[in-house]
């Protein structure tokens, strides 16, 4: 009985998050814009300048995500939902724990810095998969990690252009998929709950 109640409570929290947060759509738009800006930087400035700009651009993600969320009428935080709090803390943890690594790699090897950003900035997606109840976030993180690593190793001359293009494309894919998958998840979860209540 206790397990059923916990499962029911978790579903309620996930449903609330799906309805209010839009599955963090604002952060995915902000992530795509970040990587487009990194691409433009890499096409117009030397890597010695770019490595500092990349870090500076990162601090624009949160305000852009909040703005986009407001435009699409989504709550970017859902602070009164424990799962929303978990996702928020995870976002903050990724940024704060990544920063020392990115500063060190910016000093010693900006090429590694770019790879680290492409991977580290998707670590929280695994938590989002659990919080939102959809594997799409974890699949994104795993596929993105593999692809940018292959590009980094196989195309050293083009990596500063290819990696931002690939990561931005992954974000674009999520922006297109998330509304569709979220609506389907809500519909299927509502049907399951109705069936179990009979």
C-alpha atoms as a PDB file:
ATOM      1  CA  UNK A   1       0.000   0.000   0.000  1.00  0.00           C
ATOM      2  CA  UNK A   2       2.837   2.358   0.922  1.00  0.00           C
ATOM      3  CA  UNK A   3       4.602   1.745  -2.388  1.00  0.00           C
ATOM      4  CA  UNK A   4       1.424   2.406  -4.362  1.00  0.00           C
ATOM      5  CA  UNK A   5       0.944   5.667  -2.463  1.00  0.00           C
ATOM      6  CA  UNK A   6       4.550   6.720  -3.174  1.00  0.00           C
ATOM      7  CA  UNK A   7       4.134   5.907  -6.865  1.00  0.00           C
ATOM      8  CA  UNK A   8       0.889   7.867  -6.955  1.00  0.00           C
ATOM      9  CA  UNK A   9       2.515  10.852  -5.226  1.00  0.00           C
ATOM     10  CA  UNK A  10       5.456  10.753  -7.654  1.00  0.00           C
ATOM     11  CA  UNK A  11       3.074  10.717 -10.609  1.00  0.00           C
ATOM     12  CA  UNK A  12       1.224  13.707  -9.154  1.00  0.00           C
ATOM     13  CA  UNK A  13       4.479  15.643  -8.822  1.00  0.00           C
ATOM     14  CA  UNK A  14       5.543  14.709 -12.345  1.00  0.00           C
ATOM     15  CA  UNK A  15       2.155  15.708 -13.734  1.00  0.00           C
ATOM     16  CA  UNK A  16       2.332  19.056 -11.946  1.00  0.00           C
ATOM     17  CA  UNK A  17       5.830  19.593 -13.336  1.00  0.00           C
ATOM     18  CA  UNK A  18       4.770  18.649 -16.857  1.00  0.00           C
ATOM     19  CA  UNK A  19       1.827  21.030 -16.788  1.00  0.00           C
ATOM     20  CA  UNK A  20       3.657  23.995 -15.267  1.00  0.00           C
ATOM     21  CA  UNK A  21       7.278  23.780 -16.408  1.00  0.00           C
ATOM     22  CA  UNK A  22       6.819  22.688 -20.008  1.00  0.00           C
ATOM     23  CA  UNK A  23       9.632  20.223 -19.240  1.00  0.00           C
ATOM     24  CA  UNK A  24      12.082  23.121 -18.925  1.00  0.00           C
ATOM     25  CA  UNK A  25      11.597  24.214 -22.531  1.00  0.00           C
ATOM     26  CA  UNK A  26      13.027  27.653 -21.750  1.00  0.00           C
ATOM     27  CA  UNK A  27      16.361  26.140 -20.734  1.00  0.00           C
ATOM     28  CA  UNK A  28      16.582  24.190 -23.981  1.00  0.00           C
ATOM     29  CA  UNK A  29      15.986  27.335 -26.033  1.00  0.00           C
ATOM     30  CA  UNK A  30      18.628  29.124 -23.945  1.00  0.00           C
ATOM     31  CA  UNK A  31      21.027  26.191 -24.443  1.00  0.00           C
ATOM     32  CA  UNK A  32      20.563  26.302 -28.199  1.00  0.00           C
ATOM     33  CA  UNK A  33      21.195  30.059 -28.253  1.00  0.00           C
ATOM     34  CA  UNK A  34      24.300  29.576 -26.107  1.00  0.00           C
ATOM     35  CA  UNK A  35      25.812  27.129 -28.590  1.00  0.00           C
ATOM     36  CA  UNK A  36      24.863  29.279 -31.583  1.00  0.00           C
ATOM     37  CA  UNK A  37      26.651  32.181 -29.867  1.00  0.00           C
ATOM     38  CA  UNK A  38      29.678  29.930 -29.242  1.00  0.00           C
ATOM     39  CA  UNK A  39      29.669  28.963 -32.922  1.00  0.00           C
ATOM     40  CA  UNK A  40      29.541  32.620 -34.014  1.00  0.00           C
ATOM     41  CA  UNK A  41      32.369  33.405 -31.601  1.00  0.00           C
ATOM     42  CA  UNK A  42      34.481  30.574 -33.005  1.00  0.00           C
ATOM     43  CA  UNK A  43      33.883  31.754 -36.572  1.00  0.00           C
ATOM     44  CA  UNK A  44      34.786  35.366 -35.823  1.00  0.00           C
ATOM     45  CA  UNK A  45      37.456  35.299 -33.115  1.00  0.00           C
ATOM     46  CA  UNK A  46      40.581  33.309 -32.297  1.00  0.00           C
ATOM     47  CA  UNK A  47      40.242  30.528 -29.753  1.00  0.00           C
ATOM     48  CA  UNK A  48      42.361  32.533 -27.288  1.00  0.00           C
ATOM     49  CA  UNK A  49      39.539  35.076 -27.153  1.00  0.00           C
ATOM     50  CA  UNK A  50      36.755  32.539 -27.591  1.00  0.00           C
ATOM     51  CA  UNK A  51      37.654  30.523 -24.491  1.00  0.00           C
ATOM     52  CA  UNK A  52      36.836  33.492 -22.251  1.00  0.00           C
ATOM     53  CA  UNK A  53      33.708  34.404 -24.217  1.00  0.00           C
ATOM     54  CA  UNK A  54      32.396  30.813 -23.911  1.00  0.00           C
ATOM     55  CA  UNK A  55      32.460  31.024 -20.115  1.00  0.00           C
ATOM     56  CA  UNK A  56      30.934  34.510 -20.098  1.00  0.00           C
ATOM     57  CA  UNK A  57      28.113  33.368 -22.391  1.00  0.00           C
ATOM     58  CA  UNK A  58      27.239  30.593 -19.946  1.00  0.00           C
ATOM     59  CA  UNK A  59      26.044  33.158 -17.422  1.00  0.00           C
ATOM     60  CA  UNK A  60      23.426  34.335 -19.908  1.00  0.00           C
ATOM     61  CA  UNK A  61      21.653  30.971 -19.963  1.00  0.00           C
ATOM     62  CA  UNK A  62      19.551  31.502 -16.822  1.00  0.00           C
ATOM     63  CA  UNK A  63      18.126  34.941 -17.700  1.00  0.00           C
ATOM     64  CA  UNK A  64      17.386  33.833 -21.272  1.00  0.00           C
ATOM     65  CA  UNK A  65      15.731  30.647 -19.985  1.00  0.00           C
ATOM     66  CA  UNK A  66      13.556  32.652 -17.586  1.00  0.00           C
ATOM     67  CA  UNK A  67      12.572  35.098 -20.348  1.00  0.00           C
ATOM     68  CA  UNK A  68      11.685  32.342 -22.818  1.00  0.00           C
ATOM     69  CA  UNK A  69       9.751  30.466 -20.122  1.00  0.00           C
ATOM     70  CA  UNK A  70       7.684  33.563 -19.406  1.00  0.00           C
ATOM     71  CA  UNK A  71       6.988  34.013 -23.127  1.00  0.00           C
ATOM     72  CA  UNK A  72       5.637  30.471 -23.413  1.00  0.00           C
ATOM     73  CA  UNK A  73       3.866  30.718 -20.033  1.00  0.00           C
ATOM     74  CA  UNK A  74       5.996  28.067 -18.336  1.00  0.00           C
ATOM     75  CA  UNK A  75       7.330  28.159 -14.788  1.00  0.00           C
ATOM     76  CA  UNK A  76      11.127  27.720 -15.085  1.00  0.00           C
ATOM     77  CA  UNK A  77      11.549  26.808 -11.403  1.00  0.00           C
ATOM     78  CA  UNK A  78       8.401  25.208  -9.890  1.00  0.00           C
ATOM     79  CA  UNK A  79       9.949  25.810  -6.461  1.00  0.00           C
ATOM     80  CA  UNK A  80       6.940  24.449  -4.575  1.00  0.00           C
ATOM     81  CA  UNK A  81       7.319  21.078  -6.302  1.00  0.00           C
ATOM     82  CA  UNK A  82      10.073  18.851  -4.787  1.00  0.00           C
ATOM     83  CA  UNK A  83      10.971  17.523  -8.245  1.00  0.00           C
ATOM     84  CA  UNK A  84      11.224  21.088  -9.527  1.00  0.00           C
ATOM     85  CA  UNK A  85      13.540  21.890  -6.635  1.00  0.00           C
ATOM     86  CA  UNK A  86      15.646  18.831  -7.458  1.00  0.00           C
ATOM     87  CA  UNK A  87      15.986  19.882 -11.107  1.00  0.00           C
ATOM     88  CA  UNK A  88      16.843  23.436 -10.055  1.00  0.00           C
ATOM     89  CA  UNK A  89      19.515  22.314  -7.593  1.00  0.00           C
ATOM     90  CA  UNK A  90      20.942  20.001 -10.235  1.00  0.00           C
ATOM     91  CA  UNK A  91      21.167  22.854 -12.768  1.00  0.00           C
ATOM     92  CA  UNK A  92      22.993  24.996 -10.190  1.00  0.00           C
ATOM     93  CA  UNK A  93      25.294  22.125  -9.239  1.00  0.00           C
ATOM     94  CA  UNK A  94      26.321  21.534 -12.853  1.00  0.00           C
ATOM     95  CA  UNK A  95      27.219  25.200 -13.332  1.00  0.00           C
ATOM     96  CA  UNK A  96      29.040  25.625 -10.007  1.00  0.00           C
ATOM     97  CA  UNK A  97      30.940  22.325 -10.131  1.00  0.00           C
ATOM     98  CA  UNK A  98      31.830  22.738 -13.815  1.00  0.00           C
ATOM     99  CA  UNK A  99      33.222  26.240 -13.456  1.00  0.00           C
ATOM    100  CA  UNK A 100      36.611  25.309 -11.915  1.00  0.00           C
ATOM    101  CA  UNK A 101      37.108  22.643 -14.600  1.00  0.00           C
ATOM    102  CA  UNK A 102      36.257  25.093 -17.367  1.00  0.00           C
ATOM    103  CA  UNK A 103      38.556  27.796 -15.997  1.00  0.00           C
ATOM    104  CA  UNK A 104      41.466  25.352 -15.753  1.00  0.00           C
ATOM    105  CA  UNK A 105      40.869  23.962 -19.233  1.00  0.00           C
ATOM    106  CA  UNK A 106      40.497  27.507 -20.606  1.00  0.00           C
ATOM    107  CA  UNK A 107      43.976  28.274 -19.274  1.00  0.00           C
ATOM    108  CA  UNK A 108      45.681  25.076 -20.392  1.00  0.00           C
ATOM    109  CA  UNK A 109      43.724  23.718 -23.388  1.00  0.00           C
ATOM    110  CA  UNK A 110      40.627  25.486 -24.773  1.00  0.00           C
ATOM    111  CA  UNK A 111      39.963  22.552 -27.125  1.00  0.00           C
ATOM    112  CA  UNK A 112      39.360  20.340 -24.092  1.00  0.00           C
ATOM    113  CA  UNK A 113      37.324  23.168 -22.555  1.00  0.00           C
ATOM    114  CA  UNK A 114      34.904  23.053 -25.484  1.00  0.00           C
ATOM    115  CA  UNK A 115      34.515  19.276 -25.174  1.00  0.00           C
ATOM    116  CA  UNK A 116      34.046  19.572 -21.411  1.00  0.00           C
ATOM    117  CA  UNK A 117      31.302  22.177 -21.857  1.00  0.00           C
ATOM    118  CA  UNK A 118      29.500  20.028 -24.418  1.00  0.00           C
ATOM    119  CA  UNK A 119      29.486  17.075 -22.013  1.00  0.00           C
ATOM    120  CA  UNK A 120      29.202  18.692 -18.580  1.00  0.00           C
ATOM    121  CA  UNK A 121      26.269  20.898 -19.537  1.00  0.00           C
ATOM    122  CA  UNK A 122      24.150  17.793 -20.159  1.00  0.00           C
ATOM    123  CA  UNK A 123      24.936  15.882 -16.958  1.00  0.00           C
ATOM    124  CA  UNK A 124      21.785  17.173 -15.275  1.00  0.00           C
ATOM    125  CA  UNK A 125      19.671  15.686 -18.066  1.00  0.00           C
ATOM    126  CA  UNK A 126      19.857  12.291 -16.359  1.00  0.00           C
ATOM    127  CA  UNK A 127      18.196  13.755 -13.259  1.00  0.00           C
ATOM    128  CA  UNK A 128      15.621  15.423 -15.508  1.00  0.00           C
ATOM    129  CA  UNK A 129      14.810  12.028 -17.044  1.00  0.00           C
ATOM    130  CA  UNK A 130      13.855  10.736 -13.608  1.00  0.00           C
ATOM    131  CA  UNK A 131      12.139  13.932 -12.436  1.00  0.00           C
ATOM    132  CA  UNK A 132      10.025  14.314 -15.578  1.00  0.00           C
ATOM    133  CA  UNK A 133       9.488  10.584 -16.096  1.00  0.00           C
ATOM    134  CA  UNK A 134      10.834  10.483 -19.656  1.00  0.00           C
ATOM    135  CA  UNK A 135      14.016   8.886 -20.960  1.00  0.00           C
ATOM    136  CA  UNK A 136      14.414  11.463 -23.745  1.00  0.00           C
ATOM    137  CA  UNK A 137      16.645  13.674 -21.591  1.00  0.00           C
ATOM    138  CA  UNK A 138      19.083  10.893 -20.720  1.00  0.00           C
ATOM    139  CA  UNK A 139      19.136   9.676 -24.323  1.00  0.00           C
ATOM    140  CA  UNK A 140      19.993  13.216 -25.429  1.00  0.00           C
ATOM    141  CA  UNK A 141      22.866  13.422 -22.928  1.00  0.00           C
ATOM    142  CA  UNK A 142      24.302  10.013 -23.845  1.00  0.00           C
ATOM    143  CA  UNK A 143      24.067  10.508 -27.611  1.00  0.00           C
ATOM    144  CA  UNK A 144      25.459  14.024 -27.397  1.00  0.00           C
ATOM    145  CA  UNK A 145      28.397  12.886 -25.252  1.00  0.00           C
ATOM    146  CA  UNK A 146      29.306  10.113 -27.691  1.00  0.00           C
ATOM    147  CA  UNK A 147      28.979  12.300 -30.772  1.00  0.00           C
ATOM    148  CA  UNK A 148      30.968  15.294 -29.509  1.00  0.00           C
ATOM    149  CA  UNK A 149      33.689  12.959 -28.227  1.00  0.00           C
ATOM    150  CA  UNK A 150      33.942  11.278 -31.638  1.00  0.00           C
ATOM    151  CA  UNK A 151      34.104  14.686 -33.326  1.00  0.00           C
ATOM    152  CA  UNK A 152      36.751  15.908 -30.885  1.00  0.00           C
ATOM    153  CA  UNK A 153      38.961  12.869 -31.588  1.00  0.00           C
ATOM    154  CA  UNK A 154      38.282  12.376 -35.306  1.00  0.00           C
ATOM    155  CA  UNK A 155      38.145  15.980 -36.561  1.00  0.00           C
ATOM    156  CA  UNK A 156      40.717  18.028 -34.627  1.00  0.00           C
ATOM    157  CA  UNK A 157      40.907  20.760 -37.274  1.00  0.00           C
ATOM    158  CA  UNK A 158      37.140  21.300 -37.363  1.00  0.00           C
ATOM    159  CA  UNK A 159      36.113  20.562 -33.781  1.00  0.00           C
ATOM    160  CA  UNK A 160      35.627  24.206 -32.742  1.00  0.00           C
ATOM    161  CA  UNK A 161      32.982  24.561 -35.466  1.00  0.00           C
ATOM    162  CA  UNK A 162      31.471  21.070 -35.545  1.00  0.00           C
ATOM    163  CA  UNK A 163      30.921  20.671 -31.805  1.00  0.00           C
ATOM    164  CA  UNK A 164      28.810  23.843 -31.411  1.00  0.00           C
ATOM    165  CA  UNK A 165      26.808  22.931 -34.529  1.00  0.00           C
ATOM    166  CA  UNK A 166      26.073  19.432 -33.207  1.00  0.00           C
ATOM    167  CA  UNK A 167      25.171  20.582 -29.695  1.00  0.00           C
ATOM    168  CA  UNK A 168      22.923  23.373 -31.017  1.00  0.00           C
ATOM    169  CA  UNK A 169      21.245  20.804 -33.293  1.00  0.00           C
ATOM    170  CA  UNK A 170      20.631  18.513 -30.313  1.00  0.00           C
ATOM    171  CA  UNK A 171      18.967  21.386 -28.476  1.00  0.00           C
ATOM    172  CA  UNK A 172      16.873  22.233 -31.527  1.00  0.00           C
ATOM    173  CA  UNK A 173      15.740  18.621 -31.711  1.00  0.00           C
ATOM    174  CA  UNK A 174      14.654  18.789 -28.083  1.00  0.00           C
ATOM    175  CA  UNK A 175      12.792  22.065 -28.634  1.00  0.00           C
ATOM    176  CA  UNK A 176      10.802  20.383 -31.403  1.00  0.00           C
ATOM    177  CA  UNK A 177      10.282  17.062 -29.593  1.00  0.00           C
ATOM    178  CA  UNK A 178       9.550  18.170 -26.027  1.00  0.00           C
ATOM    179  CA  UNK A 179       6.084  19.715 -26.567  1.00  0.00           C
ATOM    180  CA  UNK A 180       4.991  16.651 -28.559  1.00  0.00           C
ATOM    181  CA  UNK A 181       6.407  14.145 -26.064  1.00  0.00           C
ATOM    182  CA  UNK A 182       5.152  16.087 -23.049  1.00  0.00           C
ATOM    183  CA  UNK A 183       1.579  16.189 -24.396  1.00  0.00           C
ATOM    184  CA  UNK A 184       1.717  12.457 -25.142  1.00  0.00           C
ATOM    185  CA  UNK A 185       3.140  11.746 -21.668  1.00  0.00           C
ATOM    186  CA  UNK A 186       0.351  13.775 -20.020  1.00  0.00           C
ATOM    187  CA  UNK A 187      -2.304  12.032 -22.112  1.00  0.00           C
ATOM    188  CA  UNK A 188      -0.963   8.527 -21.410  1.00  0.00           C
ATOM    189  CA  UNK A 189      -0.404   9.210 -17.717  1.00  0.00           C
ATOM    190  CA  UNK A 190      -3.911  10.647 -17.330  1.00  0.00           C
ATOM    191  CA  UNK A 191      -5.356   7.529 -19.013  1.00  0.00           C
ATOM    192  CA  UNK A 192      -3.337   5.207 -16.737  1.00  0.00           C
ATOM    193  CA  UNK A 193      -4.469   7.071 -13.657  1.00  0.00           C
ATOM    194  CA  UNK A 194      -8.095   6.866 -14.792  1.00  0.00           C
ATOM    195  CA  UNK A 195      -7.757   3.121 -15.377  1.00  0.00           C
ATOM    196  CA  UNK A 196      -6.191   2.520 -11.970  1.00  0.00           C
ATOM    197  CA  UNK A 197      -8.952   4.519 -10.270  1.00  0.00           C
ATOM    198  CA  UNK A 198     -11.663   2.202 -11.647  1.00  0.00           C
END
